[in-house]
Amino acid sequence: MNTDKIKEIRDELEITQKELSSKLNCTRSAYSLWEINKNTIPLYYLNKISNELNINIDYLVDLSNEKSIFFNKVEIDKIELGKRIRIARKSINYTQEKLANKLNTTHSVISAYESGKTAVPTLFMIEIAKITKKNLNWFLNKV
């Protein structure tokens, strides 16, 4: 994930870390750690950043070179996200076990993601997008 892009966009828009963290409803220190890549931005907040800054979420995570696209500013629906993970997995003829092996986890973790019982970590979601050749906008129902 390229957190430099988020800082560049924030600077272009002349928004301070404090202002953006306030809009995201998180602490400035938490936001600062994301921006300097000390902590991974949770998918929930990455989506909120995309929505707040009007920036393609796939651009923020280096899955696309298109900075600005039309997208729906939606909140993450874990059930819908899980359904889309299942659809994407099946579209490449992967079992839960095979996807789990690719992600170095267990099939029960994949099952929990697909059922919407567990939030998907950002880095896992990016890898799932790469493996299935789908974009985050599609997984999050933004396009």
Protein backbone atom coordinates (compact mmCIF):
# COMPACT_ATOMS: atom_id res chain seq x y z
CA MET A 1 0.00 0.00 0.00
CA ASN A 2 1.34 3.43 -0.93
CA THR A 3 0.51 5.79 1.94
CA ASP A 4 2.56 8.54 0.27
CA LYS A 5 -0.37 9.00 -2.11
CA ILE A 6 -2.71 9.80 0.76
CA LYS A 7 -0.31 12.40 2.15
CA GLU A 8 0.19 13.94 -1.31
CA ILE A 9 -3.56 14.20 -1.89
CA ARG A 10 -4.15 15.60 1.60
CA ASP A 11 -1.42 18.21 0.97
CA GLU A 12 -2.89 19.04 -2.48
CA LEU A 13 -6.27 19.63 -0.86
CA GLU A 14 -4.62 21.64 1.93
CA ILE A 15 -6.18 19.51 4.64
CA THR A 16 -4.28 18.96 7.88
CA GLN A 17 -3.94 15.57 9.54
CA LYS A 18 -6.09 16.92 12.36
CA GLU A 19 -8.86 18.00 9.98
CA LEU A 20 -8.87 14.69 8.11
CA SER A 21 -8.72 12.58 11.27
CA SER A 22 -11.67 14.58 12.60
CA LYS A 23 -13.66 13.83 9.42
CA LEU A 24 -12.71 10.15 9.74
CA ASN A 25 -13.65 10.12 13.43
CA CYS A 26 -10.25 8.80 14.53
CA THR A 27 -7.37 10.28 16.49
CA ARG A 28 -4.74 12.36 14.76
CA SER A 29 -2.03 10.08 16.16
CA ALA A 30 -3.72 6.99 14.69
CA TYR A 31 -4.04 8.75 11.35
CA SER A 32 -0.42 9.92 11.50
CA LEU A 33 0.80 6.34 12.01
CA TRP A 34 -1.16 5.25 8.94
CA GLU A 35 0.24 8.06 6.84
CA ILE A 36 3.86 7.25 7.72
CA ASN A 37 3.14 3.56 7.16
CA LYS A 38 3.82 2.51 10.76
CA ASN A 39 0.37 0.90 10.98
CA THR A 40 -1.83 -0.51 8.23
CA ILE A 41 -4.94 1.53 7.56
CA PRO A 42 -7.98 -0.60 8.43
CA LEU A 43 -10.19 -1.20 5.39
CA TYR A 44 -13.03 0.69 7.10
CA TYR A 45 -10.89 3.85 7.33
CA LEU A 46 -9.31 3.38 3.92
CA ASN A 47 -12.83 3.40 2.49
CA LYS A 48 -13.67 6.53 4.50
CA ILE A 49 -10.51 8.25 3.22
CA SER A 50 -11.52 7.38 -0.34
CA ASN A 51 -14.98 8.80 0.28
CA GLU A 52 -13.79 11.96 2.07
CA LEU A 53 -11.06 12.82 -0.44
CA ASN A 54 -13.08 11.73 -3.48
CA ILE A 55 -10.24 9.45 -4.58
CA ASN A 56 -10.42 6.04 -6.19
CA ILE A 57 -9.67 3.50 -3.43
CA ASP A 58 -7.83 1.32 -5.96
CA TYR A 59 -5.52 4.25 -6.70
CA LEU A 60 -4.72 4.58 -2.99
CA VAL A 61 -3.56 0.95 -2.78
CA ASP A 62 -1.75 0.85 -6.15
CA LEU A 63 -4.33 -1.36 -7.89
CA SER A 64 -5.07 1.40 -10.40
CA ASN A 65 -3.41 4.46 -11.91
CA GLU A 66 -6.76 6.24 -12.16
CA LYS A 67 -6.90 8.79 -9.36
CA SER A 68 -10.39 10.10 -10.01
CA ILE A 69 -13.30 7.96 -11.09
CA PHE A 70 -17.01 8.08 -10.44
CA PHE A 71 -17.87 5.86 -7.49
CA ASN A 72 -20.54 5.46 -4.87
CA LYS A 73 -19.59 6.69 -1.43
CA VAL A 74 -20.74 3.65 0.49
CA GLU A 75 -19.99 2.25 3.92
CA ILE A 76 -18.57 -1.25 4.05
CA ASP A 77 -21.25 -3.93 4.27
CA LYS A 78 -19.45 -7.01 5.66
CA ILE A 79 -22.17 -9.37 4.40
CA GLU A 80 -22.04 -7.98 0.85
CA LEU A 81 -18.24 -7.93 0.94
CA GLY A 82 -18.25 -11.58 1.99
CA LYS A 83 -20.60 -12.50 -0.85
CA ARG A 84 -18.32 -10.73 -3.32
CA ILE A 85 -15.24 -12.49 -1.97
CA ARG A 86 -17.06 -15.81 -2.52
CA ILE A 87 -18.08 -14.82 -6.07
CA ALA A 88 -14.53 -13.69 -6.91
CA ARG A 89 -13.01 -16.84 -5.41
CA LYS A 90 -15.34 -19.08 -7.37
CA SER A 91 -14.71 -17.08 -10.57
CA ILE A 92 -11.11 -18.31 -10.50
CA ASN A 93 -12.11 -21.84 -9.44
CA TYR A 94 -10.49 -21.61 -6.02
CA THR A 95 -11.73 -23.48 -2.97
CA GLN A 96 -11.62 -21.76 0.39
CA GLU A 97 -8.66 -24.01 1.18
CA LYS A 98 -6.74 -22.95 -1.95
CA LEU A 99 -7.34 -19.24 -1.29
CA ALA A 100 -6.37 -19.75 2.35
CA ASN A 101 -3.11 -21.37 1.29
CA LYS A 102 -2.35 -18.44 -1.05
CA LEU A 103 -2.94 -16.05 1.86
CA ASN A 104 -1.10 -18.24 4.38
CA THR A 105 -4.16 -18.66 6.58
CA THR A 106 -6.86 -21.28 7.18
CA HIS A 107 -10.05 -22.05 5.29
CA SER A 108 -12.04 -21.22 8.44
CA VAL A 109 -10.69 -17.65 8.24
CA ILE A 110 -11.81 -17.42 4.60
CA SER A 111 -15.18 -18.85 5.62
CA ALA A 112 -15.51 -16.18 8.32
CA TYR A 113 -14.73 -13.45 5.75
CA GLU A 114 -17.20 -14.88 3.24
CA SER A 115 -19.97 -15.11 5.82
CA GLY A 116 -19.36 -11.55 6.96
CA LYS A 117 -18.62 -12.68 10.51
CA THR A 118 -15.10 -11.23 10.50
CA ALA A 119 -13.78 -7.96 9.12
CA VAL A 120 -11.22 -8.52 6.38
CA PRO A 121 -7.82 -6.94 7.09
CA THR A 122 -6.76 -4.40 4.47
CA LEU A 123 -3.66 -6.27 3.30
CA PHE A 124 -5.65 -9.52 2.91
CA MET A 125 -8.28 -7.67 0.90
CA ILE A 126 -5.64 -6.18 -1.39
CA GLU A 127 -4.14 -9.65 -1.94
CA ILE A 128 -7.59 -11.15 -2.60
CA ALA A 129 -8.16 -8.39 -5.17
CA LYS A 130 -4.84 -9.18 -6.86
CA ILE A 131 -5.40 -12.95 -6.86
CA THR A 132 -8.94 -12.67 -8.24
CA LYS A 133 -8.12 -9.76 -10.59
CA LYS A 134 -11.00 -7.72 -9.16
CA ASN A 135 -10.71 -4.22 -7.78
CA LEU A 136 -11.54 -2.95 -4.29
CA ASN A 137 -14.24 -0.72 -5.73
CA TRP A 138 -16.03 -3.85 -6.95
CA PHE A 139 -15.58 -5.73 -3.68
CA LEU A 140 -16.91 -2.76 -1.67
CA ASN A 141 -19.78 -2.14 -4.11
CA LYS A 142 -18.50 1.37 -4.87
CA VAL A 143 -18.87 0.93 -8.65
